[in-house]
Amino acid sequence: DMVIGIERNQQDEDLKNQSTVRILKNRFSGETGLACHLEFNLNT
């Protein structure tokens, strides 16, 4: 029904904890594309 891709550049020291969430398929509404950006906090 939905396909969600999570992308991140593990090789870039400044960006390695940031991910891009992309909706690749959405059977419910048809909306696809960039969803948001997330950052992983190593401490929490």
ModelCIF file with pLDDT and N, C-alpha, C, O atoms, coordinates in Angstrom:
data_MODEL
#
_entry.id   MODEL 
#
_entity.id                         1 
_entity.type                       polymer 
_entity.pdbx_number_of_molecules   1 
#
_entity_poly.entity_id                      1 
_entity_poly.type                           'polypeptide(L)' 
_entity_poly.nstd_linkage                   no 
_entity_poly.nstd_monomer                   no 
_entity_poly.pdbx_seq_one_letter_code       DMVIGIERNQQDEDLKNQSTVRILKNRFSGETGLACHLEFNLNT 
_entity_poly.pdbx_seq_one_letter_code_can   DMVIGIERNQQDEDLKNQSTVRILKNRFSGETGLACHLEFNLNT 
_entity_poly.pdbx_strand_id                 A 
#
loop_
_entity_poly_seq.entity_id 
_entity_poly_seq.num 
_entity_poly_seq.mon_id 
_entity_poly_seq.hetero 
1 1  ASP n 
1 2  MET n 
1 3  VAL n 
1 4  ILE n 
1 5  GLY n 
1 6  ILE n 
1 7  GLU n 
1 8  ARG n 
1 9  ASN n 
1 10 GLN n 
1 11 GLN n 
1 12 ASP n 
1 13 GLU n 
1 14 ASP n 
1 15 LEU n 
1 16 LYS n 
1 17 ASN n 
1 18 GLN n 
1 19 SER n 
1 20 THR n 
1 21 VAL n 
1 22 ARG n 
1 23 ILE n 
1 24 LEU n 
1 25 LYS n 
1 26 ASN n 
1 27 ARG n 
1 28 PHE n 
1 29 SER n 
1 30 GLY n 
1 31 GLU n 
1 32 THR n 
1 33 GLY n 
1 34 LEU n 
1 35 ALA n 
1 36 CYS n 
1 37 HIS n 
1 38 LEU n 
1 39 GLU n 
1 40 PHE n 
1 41 ASN n 
1 42 LEU n 
1 43 ASN n 
1 44 THR n 
#
_struct_asym.id          A 
_struct_asym.entity_id   1 
#
loop_
_ma_qa_metric.id 
_ma_qa_metric.mode 
_ma_qa_metric.name 
_ma_qa_metric.software_group_id 
_ma_qa_metric.type 
1 global pLDDT . pLDDT 
2 local  pLDDT . pLDDT 
#
_ma_qa_metric_global.metric_id      1 
_ma_qa_metric_global.metric_value   95.07 
_ma_qa_metric_global.model_id       1 
_ma_qa_metric_global.ordinal_id     1 
#
loop_
_ma_qa_metric_local.label_asym_id 
_ma_qa_metric_local.label_comp_id 
_ma_qa_metric_local.label_seq_id 
_ma_qa_metric_local.metric_id 
_ma_qa_metric_local.metric_value 
_ma_qa_metric_local.model_id 
_ma_qa_metric_local.ordinal_id 
A ASP 1  2 95.00 1 1  
A MET 2  2 96.00 1 2  
A VAL 3  2 96.00 1 3  
A ILE 4  2 96.00 1 4  
A GLY 5  2 94.00 1 5  
A ILE 6  2 94.00 1 6  
A GLU 7  2 93.00 1 7  
A ARG 8  2 93.00 1 8  
A ASN 9  2 93.00 1 9  
A GLN 10 2 93.00 1 10 
A GLN 11 2 92.00 1 11 
A ASP 12 2 92.00 1 12 
A GLU 13 2 93.00 1 13 
A ASP 14 2 91.00 1 14 
A LEU 15 2 91.00 1 15 
A LYS 16 2 94.00 1 16 
A ASN 17 2 95.00 1 17 
A GLN 18 2 94.00 1 18 
A SER 19 2 94.00 1 19 
A THR 20 2 94.00 1 20 
A VAL 21 2 96.00 1 21 
A ARG 22 2 96.00 1 22 
A ILE 23 2 97.00 1 23 
A LEU 24 2 97.00 1 24 
A LYS 25 2 97.00 1 25 
A ASN 26 2 97.00 1 26 
A ARG 27 2 96.00 1 27 
A PHE 28 2 95.00 1 28 
A SER 29 2 96.00 1 29 
A GLY 30 2 95.00 1 30 
A GLU 31 2 96.00 1 31 
A THR 32 2 97.00 1 32 
A GLY 33 2 96.00 1 33 
A LEU 34 2 95.00 1 34 
A ALA 35 2 96.00 1 35 
A CYS 36 2 96.00 1 36 
A HIS 37 2 96.00 1 37 
A LEU 38 2 97.00 1 38 
A GLU 39 2 96.00 1 39 
A PHE 40 2 97.00 1 40 
A ASN 41 2 97.00 1 41 
A LEU 42 2 95.00 1 42 
A ASN 43 2 97.00 1 43 
A THR 44 2 97.00 1 44 
#
loop_
_atom_site.group_PDB 
_atom_site.id 
_atom_site.type_symbol 
_atom_site.label_atom_id 
_atom_site.label_alt_id 
_atom_site.label_comp_id 
_atom_site.label_asym_id 
_atom_site.label_entity_id 
_atom_site.label_seq_id 
_atom_site.pdbx_PDB_ins_code 
_atom_site.Cartn_x 
_atom_site.Cartn_y 
_atom_site.Cartn_z 
_atom_site.occupancy 
_atom_site.B_iso_or_equiv 
_atom_site.pdbx_formal_charge 
_atom_site.auth_seq_id 
_atom_site.auth_comp_id 
_atom_site.auth_asym_id 
_atom_site.auth_atom_id 
_atom_site.pdbx_PDB_model_num 
ATOM 1   N N  . ASP A 1 1  ? 0.833  -1.201 0.000  1.00 95.00 ? 1  ASP A N  1 
ATOM 2   C CA . ASP A 1 1  ? 0.000  0.000  0.000  1.00 95.00 ? 1  ASP A CA 1 
ATOM 3   C C  . ASP A 1 1  ? 0.866  1.249  0.000  1.00 95.00 ? 1  ASP A C  1 
ATOM 4   O O  . ASP A 1 1  ? 0.542  2.245  -0.647 1.00 95.00 ? 1  ASP A O  1 
ATOM 5   N N  . MET A 1 2  ? 1.968  1.183  0.733  1.00 96.00 ? 2  MET A N  1 
ATOM 6   C CA . MET A 1 2  ? 2.894  2.317  0.799  1.00 96.00 ? 2  MET A CA 1 
ATOM 7   C C  . MET A 1 2  ? 4.314  1.796  0.728  1.00 96.00 ? 2  MET A C  1 
ATOM 8   O O  . MET A 1 2  ? 4.624  0.719  1.237  1.00 96.00 ? 2  MET A O  1 
ATOM 9   N N  . VAL A 1 3  ? 5.170  2.575  0.089  1.00 96.00 ? 3  VAL A N  1 
ATOM 10  C CA . VAL A 1 3  ? 6.597  2.274  0.083  1.00 96.00 ? 3  VAL A CA 1 
ATOM 11  C C  . VAL A 1 3  ? 7.306  3.552  0.500  1.00 96.00 ? 3  VAL A C  1 
ATOM 12  O O  . VAL A 1 3  ? 7.115  4.609  -0.101 1.00 96.00 ? 3  VAL A O  1 
ATOM 13  N N  . ILE A 1 4  ? 8.123  3.441  1.535  1.00 96.00 ? 4  ILE A N  1 
ATOM 14  C CA . ILE A 1 4  ? 8.840  4.585  2.082  1.00 96.00 ? 4  ILE A CA 1 
ATOM 15  C C  . ILE A 1 4  ? 10.329 4.297  2.009  1.00 96.00 ? 4  ILE A C  1 
ATOM 16  O O  . ILE A 1 4  ? 10.793 3.262  2.488  1.00 96.00 ? 4  ILE A O  1 
ATOM 17  N N  . GLY A 1 5  ? 11.071 5.209  1.414  1.00 94.00 ? 5  GLY A N  1 
ATOM 18  C CA . GLY A 1 5  ? 12.520 5.080  1.329  1.00 94.00 ? 5  GLY A CA 1 
ATOM 19  C C  . GLY A 1 5  ? 13.181 6.018  2.321  1.00 94.00 ? 5  GLY A C  1 
ATOM 20  O O  . GLY A 1 5  ? 12.743 7.155  2.499  1.00 94.00 ? 5  GLY A O  1 
ATOM 21  N N  . ILE A 1 6  ? 14.225 5.547  2.961  1.00 94.00 ? 6  ILE A N  1 
ATOM 22  C CA . ILE A 1 6  ? 14.992 6.382  3.883  1.00 94.00 ? 6  ILE A CA 1 
ATOM 23  C C  . ILE A 1 6  ? 16.417 6.435  3.357  1.00 94.00 ? 6  ILE A C  1 
ATOM 24  O O  . ILE A 1 6  ? 17.081 5.409  3.211  1.00 94.00 ? 6  ILE A O  1 
ATOM 25  N N  . GLU A 1 7  ? 16.875 7.648  3.075  1.00 93.00 ? 7  GLU A N  1 
ATOM 26  C CA . GLU A 1 7  ? 18.189 7.866  2.465  1.00 93.00 ? 7  GLU A CA 1 
ATOM 27  C C  . GLU A 1 7  ? 19.078 8.632  3.431  1.00 93.00 ? 7  GLU A C  1 
ATOM 28  O O  . GLU A 1 7  ? 18.615 9.510  4.160  1.00 93.00 ? 7  GLU A O  1 
ATOM 29  N N  . ARG A 1 8  ? 20.367 8.286  3.426  1.00 93.00 ? 8  ARG A N  1 
ATOM 30  C CA . ARG A 1 8  ? 21.321 9.105  4.176  1.00 93.00 ? 8  ARG A CA 1 
ATOM 31  C C  . ARG A 1 8  ? 22.716 8.898  3.630  1.00 93.00 ? 8  ARG A C  1 
ATOM 32  O O  . ARG A 1 8  ? 23.046 7.844  3.087  1.00 93.00 ? 8  ARG A O  1 
ATOM 33  N N  . ASN A 1 9  ? 23.517 9.916  3.785  1.00 93.00 ? 9  ASN A N  1 
ATOM 34  C CA . ASN A 1 9  ? 24.898 9.877  3.330  1.00 93.00 ? 9  ASN A CA 1 
ATOM 35  C C  . ASN A 1 9  ? 25.771 9.528  4.527  1.00 93.00 ? 9  ASN A C  1 
ATOM 36  O O  . ASN A 1 9  ? 26.128 10.397 5.323  1.00 93.00 ? 9  ASN A O  1 
ATOM 37  N N  . GLN A 1 10 ? 26.107 8.262  4.644  1.00 93.00 ? 10 GLN A N  1 
ATOM 38  C CA . GLN A 1 10 ? 26.901 7.785  5.774  1.00 93.00 ? 10 GLN A CA 1 
ATOM 39  C C  . GLN A 1 10 ? 28.352 8.244  5.700  1.00 93.00 ? 10 GLN A C  1 
ATOM 40  O O  . GLN A 1 10 ? 29.073 8.172  6.695  1.00 93.00 ? 10 GLN A O  1 
ATOM 41  N N  . GLN A 1 11 ? 28.784 8.710  4.546  1.00 92.00 ? 11 GLN A N  1 
ATOM 42  C CA . GLN A 1 11 ? 30.186 9.071  4.334  1.00 92.00 ? 11 GLN A CA 1 
ATOM 43  C C  . GLN A 1 11 ? 30.481 10.529 4.659  1.00 92.00 ? 11 GLN A C  1 
ATOM 44  O O  . GLN A 1 11 ? 31.645 10.890 4.835  1.00 92.00 ? 11 GLN A O  1 
ATOM 45  N N  . ASP A 1 12 ? 29.465 11.368 4.743  1.00 92.00 ? 12 ASP A N  1 
ATOM 46  C CA . ASP A 1 12 ? 29.646 12.798 4.997  1.00 92.00 ? 12 ASP A CA 1 
ATOM 47  C C  . ASP A 1 12 ? 29.593 13.059 6.504  1.00 92.00 ? 12 ASP A C  1 
ATOM 48  O O  . ASP A 1 12 ? 28.555 12.851 7.131  1.00 92.00 ? 12 ASP A O  1 
ATOM 49  N N  . GLU A 1 13 ? 30.687 13.506 7.077  1.00 93.00 ? 13 GLU A N  1 
ATOM 50  C CA . GLU A 1 13 ? 30.759 13.722 8.529  1.00 93.00 ? 13 GLU A CA 1 
ATOM 51  C C  . GLU A 1 13 ? 29.705 14.697 9.041  1.00 93.00 ? 13 GLU A C  1 
ATOM 52  O O  . GLU A 1 13 ? 29.204 14.531 10.154 1.00 93.00 ? 13 GLU A O  1 
ATOM 53  N N  . ASP A 1 14 ? 29.361 15.710 8.250  1.00 91.00 ? 14 ASP A N  1 
ATOM 54  C CA . ASP A 1 14 ? 28.374 16.705 8.684  1.00 91.00 ? 14 ASP A CA 1 
ATOM 55  C C  . ASP A 1 14 ? 26.938 16.202 8.559  1.00 91.00 ? 14 ASP A C  1 
ATOM 56  O O  . ASP A 1 14 ? 26.052 16.683 9.265  1.00 91.00 ? 14 ASP A O  1 
ATOM 57  N N  . LEU A 1 15 ? 26.700 15.242 7.671  1.00 91.00 ? 15 LEU A N  1 
ATOM 58  C CA . LEU A 1 15 ? 25.332 14.815 7.378  1.00 91.00 ? 15 LEU A CA 1 
ATOM 59  C C  . LEU A 1 15 ? 25.024 13.363 7.748  1.00 91.00 ? 15 LEU A C  1 
ATOM 60  O O  . LEU A 1 15 ? 23.896 12.910 7.557  1.00 91.00 ? 15 LEU A O  1 
ATOM 61  N N  . LYS A 1 16 ? 25.996 12.633 8.269  1.00 94.00 ? 16 LYS A N  1 
ATOM 62  C CA . LYS A 1 16 ? 25.817 11.187 8.448  1.00 94.00 ? 16 LYS A CA 1 
ATOM 63  C C  . LYS A 1 16 ? 24.713 10.800 9.425  1.00 94.00 ? 16 LYS A C  1 
ATOM 64  O O  . LYS A 1 16 ? 24.264 9.655  9.400  1.00 94.00 ? 16 LYS A O  1 
ATOM 65  N N  . ASN A 1 17 ? 24.267 11.694 10.268 1.00 95.00 ? 17 ASN A N  1 
ATOM 66  C CA . ASN A 1 17 ? 23.173 11.396 11.198 1.00 95.00 ? 17 ASN A CA 1 
ATOM 67  C C  . ASN A 1 17 ? 21.835 11.942 10.714 1.00 95.00 ? 17 ASN A C  1 
ATOM 68  O O  . ASN A 1 17 ? 20.833 11.876 11.427 1.00 95.00 ? 17 ASN A O  1 
ATOM 69  N N  . GLN A 1 18 ? 21.827 12.484 9.489  1.00 94.00 ? 18 GLN A N  1 
ATOM 70  C CA . GLN A 1 18 ? 20.590 13.017 8.920  1.00 94.00 ? 18 GLN A CA 1 
ATOM 71  C C  . GLN A 1 18 ? 20.063 12.097 7.829  1.00 94.00 ? 18 GLN A C  1 
ATOM 72  O O  . GLN A 1 18 ? 20.830 11.581 7.016  1.00 94.00 ? 18 GLN A O  1 
ATOM 73  N N  . SER A 1 19 ? 18.766 11.899 7.815  1.00 94.00 ? 19 SER A N  1 
ATOM 74  C CA . SER A 1 19 ? 18.126 11.045 6.821  1.00 94.00 ? 19 SER A CA 1 
ATOM 75  C C  . SER A 1 19 ? 17.027 11.805 6.110  1.00 94.00 ? 19 SER A C  1 
ATOM 76  O O  . SER A 1 19 ? 16.390 12.692 6.679  1.00 94.00 ? 19 SER A O  1 
ATOM 77  N N  . THR A 1 20 ? 16.816 11.444 4.858  1.00 94.00 ? 20 THR A N  1 
ATOM 78  C CA . THR A 1 20 ? 15.711 11.968 4.073  1.00 94.00 ? 20 THR A CA 1 
ATOM 79  C C  . THR A 1 20 ? 14.676 10.865 3.939  1.00 94.00 ? 20 THR A C  1 
ATOM 80  O O  . THR A 1 20 ? 15.009 9.738  3.571  1.00 94.00 ? 20 THR A O  1 
ATOM 81  N N  . VAL A 1 21 ? 13.417 11.185 4.237  1.00 96.00 ? 21 VAL A N  1 
ATOM 82  C CA . VAL A 1 21 ? 12.324 10.224 4.114  1.00 96.00 ? 21 VAL A CA 1 
ATOM 83  C C  . VAL A 1 21 ? 11.547 10.583 2.848  1.00 96.00 ? 21 VAL A C  1 
ATOM 84  O O  . VAL A 1 21 ? 11.086 11.712 2.677  1.00 96.00 ? 21 VAL A O  1 
ATOM 85  N N  . ARG A 1 22 ? 11.417 9.591  1.969  1.00 96.00 ? 22 ARG A N  1 
ATOM 86  C CA . ARG A 1 22 ? 10.777 9.810  0.677  1.00 96.00 ? 22 ARG A CA 1 
ATOM 87  C C  . ARG A 1 22 ? 9.642  8.797  0.502  1.00 96.00 ? 22 ARG A C  1 
ATOM 88  O O  . ARG A 1 22 ? 9.853  7.595  0.670  1.00 96.00 ? 22 ARG A O  1 
ATOM 89  N N  . ILE A 1 23 ? 8.450  9.275  0.168  1.00 97.00 ? 23 ILE A N  1 
ATOM 90  C CA . ILE A 1 23 ? 7.314  8.402  -0.110 1.00 97.00 ? 23 ILE A CA 1 
ATOM 91  C C  . ILE A 1 23 ? 7.398  8.003  -1.578 1.00 97.00 ? 23 ILE A C  1 
ATOM 92  O O  . ILE A 1 23 ? 7.286  8.846  -2.468 1.00 97.00 ? 23 ILE A O  1 
ATOM 93  N N  . LEU A 1 24 ? 7.597  6.706  -1.824 1.00 97.00 ? 24 LEU A N  1 
ATOM 94  C CA . LEU A 1 24 ? 7.757  6.199  -3.180 1.00 97.00 ? 24 LEU A CA 1 
ATOM 95  C C  . LEU A 1 24 ? 6.435  5.700  -3.762 1.00 97.00 ? 24 LEU A C  1 
ATOM 96  O O  . LEU A 1 24 ? 6.237  5.711  -4.977 1.00 97.00 ? 24 LEU A O  1 
ATOM 97  N N  . LYS A 1 25 ? 5.534  5.262  -2.881 1.00 97.00 ? 25 LYS A N  1 
ATOM 98  C CA . LYS A 1 25 ? 4.204  4.819  -3.315 1.00 97.00 ? 25 LYS A CA 1 
ATOM 99  C C  . LYS A 1 25 ? 3.231  5.102  -2.186 1.00 97.00 ? 25 LYS A C  1 
ATOM 100 O O  . LYS A 1 25 ? 3.545  4.920  -1.009 1.00 97.00 ? 25 LYS A O  1 
ATOM 101 N N  . ASN A 1 26 ? 2.036  5.554  -2.570 1.00 97.00 ? 26 ASN A N  1 
ATOM 102 C CA . ASN A 1 26 ? 1.002  5.835  -1.587 1.00 97.00 ? 26 ASN A CA 1 
ATOM 103 C C  . ASN A 1 26 ? -0.345 5.492  -2.217 1.00 97.00 ? 26 ASN A C  1 
ATOM 104 O O  . ASN A 1 26 ? -0.947 6.307  -2.915 1.00 97.00 ? 26 ASN A O  1 
ATOM 105 N N  . ARG A 1 27 ? -0.796 4.290  -1.961 1.00 96.00 ? 27 ARG A N  1 
ATOM 106 C CA . ARG A 1 27 ? -2.054 3.825  -2.554 1.00 96.00 ? 27 ARG A CA 1 
ATOM 107 C C  . ARG A 1 27 ? -3.256 4.585  -2.000 1.00 96.00 ? 27 ARG A C  1 
ATOM 108 O O  . ARG A 1 27 ? -4.300 4.643  -2.649 1.00 96.00 ? 27 ARG A O  1 
ATOM 109 N N  . PHE A 1 28 ? -3.124 5.166  -0.813 1.00 95.00 ? 28 PHE A N  1 
ATOM 110 C CA . PHE A 1 28 ? -4.259 5.799  -0.161 1.00 95.00 ? 28 PHE A CA 1 
ATOM 111 C C  . PHE A 1 28 ? -4.593 7.165  -0.756 1.00 95.00 ? 28 PHE A C  1 
ATOM 112 O O  . PHE A 1 28 ? -5.764 7.463  -0.991 1.00 95.00 ? 28 PHE A O  1 
ATOM 113 N N  . SER A 1 29 ? -3.586 7.996  -1.001 1.00 96.00 ? 29 SER A N  1 
ATOM 114 C CA . SER A 1 29 ? -3.860 9.334  -1.521 1.00 96.00 ? 29 SER A CA 1 
ATOM 115 C C  . SER A 1 29 ? -3.138 9.632  -2.829 1.00 96.00 ? 29 SER A C  1 
ATOM 116 O O  . SER A 1 29 ? -3.473 10.595 -3.518 1.00 96.00 ? 29 SER A O  1 
ATOM 117 N N  . GLY A 1 30 ? -2.163 8.823  -3.169 1.00 95.00 ? 30 GLY A N  1 
ATOM 118 C CA . GLY A 1 30 ? -1.393 9.064  -4.382 1.00 95.00 ? 30 GLY A CA 1 
ATOM 119 C C  . GLY A 1 30 ? -0.267 10.067 -4.217 1.00 95.00 ? 30 GLY A C  1 
ATOM 120 O O  . GLY A 1 30 ? 0.535  10.266 -5.130 1.00 95.00 ? 30 GLY A O  1 
ATOM 121 N N  . GLU A 1 31 ? -0.206 10.703 -3.043 1.00 96.00 ? 31 GLU A N  1 
ATOM 122 C CA . GLU A 1 31 ? 0.851  11.691 -2.812 1.00 96.00 ? 31 GLU A CA 1 
ATOM 123 C C  . GLU A 1 31 ? 2.186  10.988 -2.614 1.00 96.00 ? 31 GLU A C  1 
ATOM 124 O O  . GLU A 1 31 ? 2.296  10.073 -1.798 1.00 96.00 ? 31 GLU A O  1 
ATOM 125 N N  . THR A 1 32 ? 3.191  11.411 -3.354 1.00 97.00 ? 32 THR A N  1 
ATOM 126 C CA . THR A 1 32 ? 4.532  10.844 -3.235 1.00 97.00 ? 32 THR A CA 1 
ATOM 127 C C  . THR A 1 32 ? 5.548  11.976 -3.214 1.00 97.00 ? 32 THR A C  1 
ATOM 128 O O  . THR A 1 32 ? 5.209  13.138 -3.437 1.00 97.00 ? 32 THR A O  1 
ATOM 129 N N  . GLY A 1 33 ? 6.784  11.625 -2.945 1.00 96.00 ? 33 GLY A N  1 
ATOM 130 C CA . GLY A 1 33 ? 7.868  12.603 -2.948 1.00 96.00 ? 33 GLY A CA 1 
ATOM 131 C C  . GLY A 1 33 ? 8.461  12.774 -1.565 1.00 96.00 ? 33 GLY A C  1 
ATOM 132 O O  . GLY A 1 33 ? 8.246  11.956 -0.670 1.00 96.00 ? 33 GLY A O  1 
ATOM 133 N N  . LEU A 1 34 ? 9.206  13.844 -1.411 1.00 95.00 ? 34 LEU A N  1 
ATOM 134 C CA . LEU A 1 34 ? 9.899  14.139 -0.160 1.00 95.00 ? 34 LEU A CA 1 
ATOM 135 C C  . LEU A 1 34 ? 8.896  14.306 0.981  1.00 95.00 ? 34 LEU A C  1 
ATOM 136 O O  . LEU A 1 34 ? 7.938  15.071 0.872  1.00 95.00 ? 34 LEU A O  1 
ATOM 137 N N  . ALA A 1 35 ? 9.127  13.580 2.074  1.00 96.00 ? 35 ALA A N  1 
ATOM 138 C CA . ALA A 1 35 ? 8.227  13.656 3.228  1.00 96.00 ? 35 ALA A CA 1 
ATOM 139 C C  . ALA A 1 35 ? 8.812  14.544 4.322  1.00 96.00 ? 35 ALA A C  1 
ATOM 140 O O  . ALA A 1 35 ? 8.147  15.459 4.808  1.00 96.00 ? 35 ALA A O  1 
ATOM 141 N N  . CYS A 1 36 ? 10.065 14.270 4.708  1.00 96.00 ? 36 CYS A N  1 
ATOM 142 C CA . CYS A 1 36 ? 10.690 15.048 5.771  1.00 96.00 ? 36 CYS A CA 1 
ATOM 143 C C  . CYS A 1 36 ? 12.165 14.683 5.868  1.00 96.00 ? 36 CYS A C  1 
ATOM 144 O O  . CYS A 1 36 ? 12.667 13.829 5.137  1.00 96.00 ? 36 CYS A O  1 
ATOM 145 N N  . HIS A 1 37 ? 12.836 15.352 6.784  1.00 96.00 ? 37 HIS A N  1 
ATOM 146 C CA . HIS A 1 37 ? 14.230 15.056 7.109  1.00 96.00 ? 37 HIS A CA 1 
ATOM 147 C C  . HIS A 1 37 ? 14.298 14.743 8.596  1.00 96.00 ? 37 HIS A C  1 
ATOM 148 O O  . HIS A 1 37 ? 13.652 15.402 9.410  1.00 96.00 ? 37 HIS A O  1 
ATOM 149 N N  . LEU A 1 38 ? 15.080 13.736 8.939  1.00 97.00 ? 38 LEU A N  1 
ATOM 150 C CA . LEU A 1 38 ? 15.221 13.320 10.329 1.00 97.00 ? 38 LEU A CA 1 
ATOM 151 C C  . LEU A 1 38 ? 16.684 13.350 10.729 1.00 97.00 ? 38 LEU A C  1 
ATOM 152 O O  . LEU A 1 38 ? 17.584 13.159 9.911  1.00 97.00 ? 38 LEU A O  1 
ATOM 153 N N  . GLU A 1 39 ? 16.894 13.597 12.028 1.00 96.00 ? 39 GLU A N  1 
ATOM 154 C CA . GLU A 1 39 ? 18.256 13.528 12.553 1.00 96.00 ? 39 GLU A CA 1 
ATOM 155 C C  . GLU A 1 39 ? 18.275 12.555 13.718 1.00 96.00 ? 39 GLU A C  1 
ATOM 156 O O  . GLU A 1 39 ? 17.408 12.592 14.591 1.00 96.00 ? 39 GLU A O  1 
ATOM 157 N N  . PHE A 1 40 ? 19.286 11.676 13.717 1.00 97.00 ? 40 PHE A N  1 
ATOM 158 C CA . PHE A 1 40 ? 19.462 10.713 14.788 1.00 97.00 ? 40 PHE A CA 1 
ATOM 159 C C  . PHE A 1 40 ? 20.354 11.319 15.855 1.00 97.00 ? 40 PHE A C  1 
ATOM 160 O O  . PHE A 1 40 ? 21.455 11.783 15.562 1.00 97.00 ? 40 PHE A O  1 
ATOM 161 N N  . ASN A 1 41 ? 19.877 11.314 17.098 1.00 97.00 ? 41 ASN A N  1 
ATOM 162 C CA . ASN A 1 41 ? 20.636 11.833 18.220 1.00 97.00 ? 41 ASN A CA 1 
ATOM 163 C C  . ASN A 1 41 ? 21.328 10.651 18.899 1.00 97.00 ? 41 ASN A C  1 
ATOM 164 O O  . ASN A 1 41 ? 20.671 9.785  19.476 1.00 97.00 ? 41 ASN A O  1 
ATOM 165 N N  . LEU A 1 42 ? 22.649 10.624 18.826 1.00 95.00 ? 42 LEU A N  1 
ATOM 166 C CA . LEU A 1 42 ? 23.421 9.516  19.395 1.00 95.00 ? 42 LEU A CA 1 
ATOM 167 C C  . LEU A 1 42 ? 23.260 9.407  20.904 1.00 95.00 ? 42 LEU A C  1 
ATOM 168 O O  . LEU A 1 42 ? 23.356 8.307  21.449 1.00 95.00 ? 42 LEU A O  1 
ATOM 169 N N  . ASN A 1 43 ? 23.018 10.518 21.594 1.00 97.00 ? 43 ASN A N  1 
ATOM 170 C CA . ASN A 1 43 ? 22.895 10.509 23.059 1.00 97.00 ? 43 ASN A CA 1 
ATOM 171 C C  . ASN A 1 43 ? 21.555 9.947  23.527 1.00 97.00 ? 43 ASN A C  1 
ATOM 172 O O  . ASN A 1 43 ? 21.489 9.237  24.530 1.00 97.00 ? 43 ASN A O  1 
ATOM 173 N N  . THR A 1 44 ? 20.479 10.273 22.790 1.00 97.00 ? 44 THR A N  1 
ATOM 174 C CA . THR A 1 44 ? 19.149 9.842  23.224 1.00 97.00 ? 44 THR A CA 1 
ATOM 175 C C  . THR A 1 44 ? 18.651 8.614  22.469 1.00 97.00 ? 44 THR A C  1 
ATOM 176 O O  . THR A 1 44 ? 17.546 8.137  22.727 1.00 97.00 ? 44 THR A O  1 
#
